[in-house]
Amino acid sequence: MHTLIAEGLRKRYGDLFALDGFDLHVPAGVIHGLLGPNGAGKTTAVKALATLIDVDEGTASVAGFDVRTQAARVRRSIGLVGQNAAVDEILSGHQNLVMFGRLYGLAKSGAQTRAAELLEVFGLAEAAHRPAKTYSGGMRRRLDIAAGLILTPAVLFLDEPTTGLDPRGRNEVWTSVREVAGRGTTVLLTTQYLDEADQLASAITVVDHGRVIAEGTPEQLKRRVGGDRVTITLRGPVTDLAARLGGVADEDDHTITIEVTSGLAALVRTLDDLGIVPDDLRLRHPTLDEAFLAITEKEAAR
C-alpha cells in the first residue's frame, strides 16, 4: 500500500513550472528521501502534498485521501516540520506541546498527556519545563518534530530538518526520525545533505526542474556511477602501470585509481603476478554525493 501518491503534478508560476509532471509513490511506514538542487521543486512538491498550495494539473493522495477534494482529511493525517523552528522559545517544551495539542483540538488533559508522551519519546522529559530558548539546536528540532506528531499522523513531512545544526544536533534528529518511522509513520524527507539521505532513507527520488530524474535505493543510485574504486600508492612512476591496469594515474601523488568490477581479490592477485608491492591500497565505495552529481549533471547537459 502506498501512503503517498502523486501523478503528473504541475504547478506554474508565470512562465516557470515549479512542478512539471512530478510523480511519487511512497509505501507506508518508510523514510523516503526527496533530493534535488536548489529550486528543483522539492518544497513545492511538499506544499502540494500537504494541501498548502493547489496544483494546476495532476492528482495526488495522502493516506488514501485526495489532496484536492479531501484537503481537510489530508491535514488531519499529516504532520509538517518546515525549515524554520515553529516552537515558542519563551514557553517550555511541555507548554509548547500542550499549546500545539490545544490548537489541534485536543482537550486540555489530552494535550497534557500527549505532550508528556512525546517528550519522553524524544528524550526531552528532563528538559520538559525549561524554556525552549535554553535548548540546543538539536533539542529544538526534536521538539519541532514532536509538535508535528501531536495527532500521530500517518505521514510526516520533514523539509530540511537539520539545516544549520552541528554534527551532534544532526545525529539527535536522525535518531528521532528513525524512531518516528519505527512507530509506523511514513516520513518524506527533503534535505540538502546527501549523507543524511544515505543514512535515513530506504528509497530516494531525485527531482530537477520540477520532474523526477532518478529514483531507487541509495545503493541503486550509487551503482549508477560504477563500482568500487581502489587507490594504489606506489613509490615509483605510475603512468605505464596505470595503462596496463586500466586505471587513472596521478604522478604527483604516485597513485593509480581503478574501478573494481571483478572484486578486490582479483586486483590483488594481478599486482602479485606483476611482482608489485604497493605502499598503500585503499578501497572506496561510490558515495551518494557522486551519484547525485552524476545524475544532475547528466540532466543539465540535455
Protein backbone atom coordinates (compact mmCIF):
# COMPACT_ATOMS: atom_id res chain seq x y z
CA MET A 1 0.00 0.00 0.00
CA HIS A 2 1.29 3.45 -0.94
CA THR A 3 0.70 6.21 1.62
CA LEU A 4 1.86 8.98 -0.73
CA ILE A 5 0.89 9.03 -4.40
CA ALA A 6 1.48 11.86 -6.87
CA GLU A 7 0.94 11.54 -10.60
CA GLY A 8 1.64 14.19 -13.20
CA LEU A 9 1.66 17.18 -10.83
CA ARG A 10 2.18 20.53 -12.50
CA LYS A 11 2.43 23.89 -10.78
CA ARG A 12 3.16 27.02 -12.75
CA TYR A 13 4.29 30.43 -11.55
CA GLY A 14 4.17 32.76 -14.53
CA ASP A 15 6.38 31.19 -17.20
CA LEU A 16 8.12 28.88 -14.72
CA PHE A 17 6.99 25.34 -13.92
CA ALA A 18 7.89 24.63 -10.30
CA LEU A 19 6.44 21.14 -10.86
CA ASP A 20 6.41 19.73 -14.36
CA GLY A 21 4.87 16.26 -14.39
CA PHE A 22 6.05 15.27 -10.90
CA ASP A 23 5.39 11.63 -9.87
CA LEU A 24 5.89 9.99 -6.48
CA HIS A 25 4.91 6.65 -4.92
CA VAL A 26 5.87 6.04 -1.29
CA PRO A 27 4.90 2.91 0.67
CA ALA A 28 3.63 3.08 4.24
CA GLY A 29 5.99 3.20 7.19
CA VAL A 30 9.24 4.12 5.41
CA ILE A 31 11.60 7.09 5.26
CA HIS A 32 11.68 8.34 1.67
CA GLY A 33 14.20 10.95 0.59
CA LEU A 34 13.36 13.73 -1.86
CA LEU A 35 16.57 15.24 -3.25
CA GLY A 36 17.35 17.89 -5.82
CA PRO A 37 19.31 21.09 -6.46
CA ASN A 38 18.06 24.41 -5.10
CA GLY A 39 14.90 25.39 -6.94
CA ALA A 40 14.30 21.84 -8.19
CA GLY A 41 10.74 21.73 -6.86
CA LYS A 42 11.17 19.80 -3.61
CA THR A 43 9.47 22.29 -1.32
CA THR A 44 6.72 22.94 -3.88
CA ALA A 45 6.01 19.20 -4.00
CA VAL A 46 5.78 19.04 -0.20
CA LYS A 47 3.46 22.06 -0.10
CA ALA A 48 1.21 20.48 -2.74
CA LEU A 49 1.02 17.15 -0.90
CA ALA A 50 0.36 18.96 2.39
CA THR A 51 -2.50 20.95 0.75
CA LEU A 52 -0.72 24.27 1.34
CA ILE A 53 -0.91 25.07 -2.38
CA ASP A 54 -3.12 23.83 -5.19
CA VAL A 55 -1.65 22.37 -8.36
CA ASP A 56 -2.65 23.19 -11.92
CA GLU A 57 -2.69 19.60 -13.16
CA GLY A 58 -2.32 16.06 -11.88
CA THR A 59 -3.62 14.01 -8.97
CA ALA A 60 -2.27 13.19 -5.52
CA SER A 61 -3.39 11.37 -2.43
CA VAL A 62 -2.05 11.19 1.12
CA ALA A 63 -3.07 8.35 3.45
CA GLY A 64 -5.80 7.47 0.95
CA PHE A 65 -7.29 10.98 0.80
CA ASP A 66 -7.30 13.17 -2.31
CA VAL A 67 -5.34 16.38 -1.70
CA ARG A 68 -7.71 18.47 -3.78
CA THR A 69 -11.16 17.13 -2.84
CA GLN A 70 -10.42 15.91 0.71
CA ALA A 71 -7.96 18.53 1.90
CA ALA A 72 -9.32 18.68 5.46
CA ARG A 73 -8.90 14.92 5.91
CA VAL A 74 -5.39 15.09 4.49
CA ARG A 75 -4.46 17.79 7.00
CA ARG A 76 -5.72 15.62 9.86
CA SER A 77 -3.50 12.79 8.60
CA ILE A 78 -0.18 14.64 8.35
CA GLY A 79 2.47 16.42 10.34
CA LEU A 80 4.69 19.09 8.79
CA VAL A 81 8.06 20.28 10.05
CA GLY A 82 9.45 23.12 7.96
CA GLN A 83 12.92 24.59 7.70
CA ASN A 84 12.28 27.20 10.41
CA ALA A 85 11.52 26.38 14.03
CA ALA A 86 7.82 26.63 14.90
CA VAL A 87 8.19 26.45 18.68
CA ASP A 88 7.83 29.43 21.01
CA GLU A 89 11.21 29.92 22.69
CA ILE A 90 9.71 31.63 25.74
CA LEU A 91 7.50 28.65 26.57
CA SER A 92 8.85 25.41 27.99
CA GLY A 93 8.96 22.25 25.93
CA HIS A 94 5.90 20.92 27.74
CA GLN A 95 3.98 24.18 27.32
CA ASN A 96 4.80 24.24 23.60
CA LEU A 97 3.42 20.75 23.02
CA VAL A 98 0.32 21.42 25.11
CA MET A 99 -0.27 24.57 23.06
CA PHE A 100 0.01 22.62 19.81
CA GLY A 101 -2.30 19.94 21.18
CA ARG A 102 -4.93 22.52 22.02
CA LEU A 103 -4.56 24.09 18.57
CA TYR A 104 -5.17 20.64 17.05
CA GLY A 105 -8.39 20.37 19.07
CA LEU A 106 -7.32 18.16 21.96
CA ALA A 107 -8.87 18.70 25.37
CA LYS A 108 -6.52 20.16 27.98
CA SER A 109 -5.98 16.84 29.75
CA GLY A 110 -5.46 15.04 26.44
CA ALA A 111 -2.95 17.67 25.30
CA GLN A 112 -1.01 17.37 28.55
CA THR A 113 -0.91 13.58 28.33
CA ARG A 114 0.21 13.64 24.71
CA ALA A 115 2.87 16.27 25.49
CA ALA A 116 4.32 14.10 28.25
CA GLU A 117 4.37 11.05 25.95
CA LEU A 118 6.20 12.89 23.17
CA LEU A 119 8.73 14.49 25.49
CA GLU A 120 9.61 11.02 26.75
CA VAL A 121 9.83 9.53 23.25
CA PHE A 122 12.16 12.30 22.04
CA GLY A 123 14.42 12.30 25.08
CA LEU A 124 13.25 15.71 26.28
CA ALA A 125 11.50 14.73 29.51
CA GLU A 126 14.28 16.08 31.75
CA ALA A 127 14.13 19.42 29.94
CA ALA A 128 10.32 19.49 29.78
CA HIS A 129 9.92 22.56 31.99
CA ARG A 130 12.88 24.57 30.73
CA PRO A 131 12.24 27.42 28.26
CA ALA A 132 12.83 26.27 24.70
CA LYS A 133 15.35 29.10 24.27
CA THR A 134 17.70 27.16 26.57
CA TYR A 135 17.59 24.09 24.31
CA SER A 136 20.41 23.18 21.94
CA GLY A 137 19.71 23.31 18.20
CA GLY A 138 19.17 19.57 18.08
CA MET A 139 16.78 19.66 21.03
CA ARG A 140 14.72 22.44 19.43
CA ARG A 141 14.42 20.46 16.18
CA ARG A 142 13.38 17.36 18.12
CA LEU A 143 10.73 19.47 19.84
CA ASP A 144 9.63 20.69 16.40
CA ILE A 145 9.27 17.11 15.20
CA ALA A 146 7.36 16.19 18.35
CA ALA A 147 4.95 19.08 17.66
CA GLY A 148 4.34 17.65 14.19
CA LEU A 149 3.34 14.32 15.75
CA ILE A 150 0.71 15.57 18.19
CA LEU A 151 -2.09 13.70 16.39
CA THR A 152 0.04 10.63 15.47
CA PRO A 153 -0.07 11.37 11.74
CA ALA A 154 0.09 8.74 9.01
CA VAL A 155 2.62 10.92 7.17
CA LEU A 156 5.26 13.33 8.46
CA PHE A 157 6.80 15.85 6.04
CA LEU A 158 10.31 16.93 7.07
CA ASP A 159 11.62 19.80 4.97
CA GLU A 160 15.39 20.07 5.53
CA PRO A 161 15.11 19.36 9.27
CA THR A 162 18.83 19.57 10.13
CA THR A 163 19.84 22.74 8.27
CA GLY A 164 22.26 24.72 10.42
CA LEU A 165 22.77 22.02 13.06
CA ASP A 166 26.16 20.80 14.24
CA PRO A 167 27.03 17.08 13.90
CA ARG A 168 25.73 16.25 17.39
CA GLY A 169 22.42 18.00 16.69
CA ARG A 170 22.07 16.22 13.34
CA ASN A 171 22.63 12.84 14.97
CA GLU A 172 19.99 13.64 17.59
CA VAL A 173 17.47 14.47 14.86
CA TRP A 174 18.40 11.34 12.86
CA THR A 175 17.68 9.19 15.91
CA SER A 176 14.30 10.87 16.32
CA VAL A 177 13.39 10.41 12.64
CA ARG A 178 14.20 6.69 12.84
CA GLU A 179 12.05 6.48 15.96
CA VAL A 180 9.13 8.10 14.13
CA ALA A 181 9.34 5.67 11.21
CA GLY A 182 9.77 2.75 13.59
CA ARG A 183 6.39 3.57 15.07
CA GLY A 184 4.72 3.29 11.65
CA THR A 185 4.62 6.87 10.38
CA THR A 186 5.66 7.43 6.77
CA VAL A 187 8.35 10.13 6.53
CA LEU A 188 9.00 12.22 3.42
CA LEU A 189 12.38 13.87 3.94
CA THR A 190 13.78 16.68 1.83
CA THR A 191 17.39 17.52 2.53
CA GLN A 192 20.47 19.20 1.09
CA TYR A 193 22.71 16.75 2.91
CA LEU A 194 23.36 13.65 0.83
CA ASP A 195 24.82 11.72 3.76
CA GLU A 196 21.58 12.37 5.64
CA ALA A 197 19.51 10.75 2.91
CA ASP A 198 22.02 7.90 2.71
CA GLN A 199 21.75 7.30 6.45
CA LEU A 200 17.98 7.55 6.78
CA ALA A 201 16.13 6.83 3.53
CA SER A 202 15.22 3.37 2.29
CA ALA A 203 14.48 4.90 -1.13
CA ILE A 204 15.22 8.22 -2.81
CA THR A 205 13.60 10.29 -5.52
CA VAL A 206 15.80 12.85 -7.29
CA VAL A 207 13.94 15.80 -8.77
CA ASP A 208 15.15 18.60 -11.03
CA HIS A 209 13.22 21.30 -12.88
CA GLY A 210 10.03 20.01 -11.29
CA ARG A 211 10.21 16.42 -12.54
CA VAL A 212 11.69 13.15 -11.36
CA ILE A 213 15.02 12.31 -12.99
CA ALA A 214 16.02 9.26 -10.93
CA GLU A 215 14.74 7.03 -8.15
CA GLY A 216 15.81 3.94 -6.29
CA THR A 217 17.53 2.83 -3.11
CA PRO A 218 20.72 4.64 -2.12
CA GLU A 219 22.75 1.63 -3.29
CA GLN A 220 20.98 1.52 -6.65
CA LEU A 221 21.71 5.21 -7.23
CA LYS A 222 25.36 4.78 -6.24
CA ARG A 223 25.78 1.97 -8.75
CA ARG A 224 24.92 4.46 -11.50
CA VAL A 225 28.44 5.89 -11.19
CA GLY A 226 30.10 2.47 -11.40
CA GLY A 227 31.66 0.04 -8.99
CA ASP A 228 34.03 0.38 -6.07
CA ARG A 229 37.27 2.26 -6.56
CA VAL A 230 40.72 1.24 -5.39
CA THR A 231 43.57 3.71 -4.96
CA ILE A 232 47.04 2.18 -5.13
CA THR A 233 50.03 4.17 -3.87
CA LEU A 234 53.49 3.27 -5.25
CA ARG A 235 56.99 4.68 -4.84
CA GLY A 236 57.95 4.98 -8.48
CA PRO A 237 56.35 6.17 -11.73
CA VAL A 238 52.75 5.04 -12.15
CA THR A 239 51.66 6.05 -15.68
CA ASP A 240 52.71 2.87 -17.50
CA LEU A 241 51.31 0.58 -14.84
CA ALA A 242 48.04 2.55 -14.78
CA ALA A 243 47.66 1.93 -18.53
CA ARG A 244 48.21 -1.82 -18.03
CA LEU A 245 45.70 -1.98 -15.19
CA GLY A 246 43.12 0.25 -16.87
CA GLY A 247 43.35 2.91 -14.17
CA VAL A 248 43.95 6.64 -13.86
CA ALA A 249 47.44 7.76 -12.88
CA ASP A 250 48.43 10.69 -10.68
CA GLU A 251 52.21 11.08 -10.90
CA ASP A 252 52.26 13.86 -8.29
CA ASP A 253 50.71 11.61 -5.64
CA HIS A 254 52.18 8.39 -7.09
CA THR A 255 48.71 6.84 -7.15
CA ILE A 256 46.59 4.80 -9.52
CA THR A 257 42.81 4.78 -9.17
CA ILE A 258 40.98 1.79 -10.61
CA GLU A 259 37.29 0.96 -10.81
CA VAL A 260 36.92 -2.57 -9.48
CA THR A 261 34.44 -4.69 -11.43
CA SER A 262 35.59 -8.22 -10.56
CA GLY A 263 36.40 -7.85 -6.88
CA LEU A 264 39.38 -6.64 -4.87
CA ALA A 265 40.92 -10.12 -4.64
CA ALA A 266 41.38 -10.28 -8.43
CA LEU A 267 43.24 -6.95 -8.41
CA VAL A 268 45.50 -8.07 -5.57
CA ARG A 269 46.34 -11.26 -7.50
CA THR A 270 47.16 -9.20 -10.60
CA LEU A 271 49.54 -6.99 -8.61
CA ASP A 272 51.14 -10.06 -7.09
CA ASP A 273 51.60 -11.65 -10.52
CA LEU A 274 53.34 -8.45 -11.67
CA GLY A 275 55.60 -8.52 -8.62
CA ILE A 276 54.24 -5.17 -7.38
CA VAL A 277 54.01 -4.44 -3.66
CA PRO A 278 52.11 -1.16 -3.15
CA ASP A 279 52.88 1.21 -0.31
CA ASP A 280 49.16 1.58 0.29
CA LEU A 281 45.95 0.18 -1.15
CA ARG A 282 42.56 1.67 -0.28
CA LEU A 283 39.07 0.57 -1.26
CA ARG A 284 36.37 3.22 -1.55
CA HIS A 285 32.70 2.76 -2.33
CA PRO A 286 30.86 5.27 -4.55
CA THR A 287 29.11 7.94 -2.49
CA LEU A 288 25.61 9.29 -2.84
CA ASP A 289 27.18 12.70 -3.46
CA GLU A 290 28.93 11.31 -6.54
CA ALA A 291 25.73 9.68 -7.74
CA PHE A 292 23.74 12.89 -7.20
CA LEU A 293 26.28 14.98 -9.10
CA ALA A 294 26.42 12.49 -11.97
CA ILE A 295 22.63 12.32 -12.24
CA THR A 296 22.04 16.09 -12.07
CA GLU A 297 24.97 16.92 -14.38
CA LYS A 298 23.64 14.48 -16.95
CA GLU A 299 20.23 16.14 -16.72
CA ALA A 300 21.77 19.63 -17.06
CA ALA A 301 23.62 18.53 -20.23
CA ARG A 302 20.39 17.60 -22.02
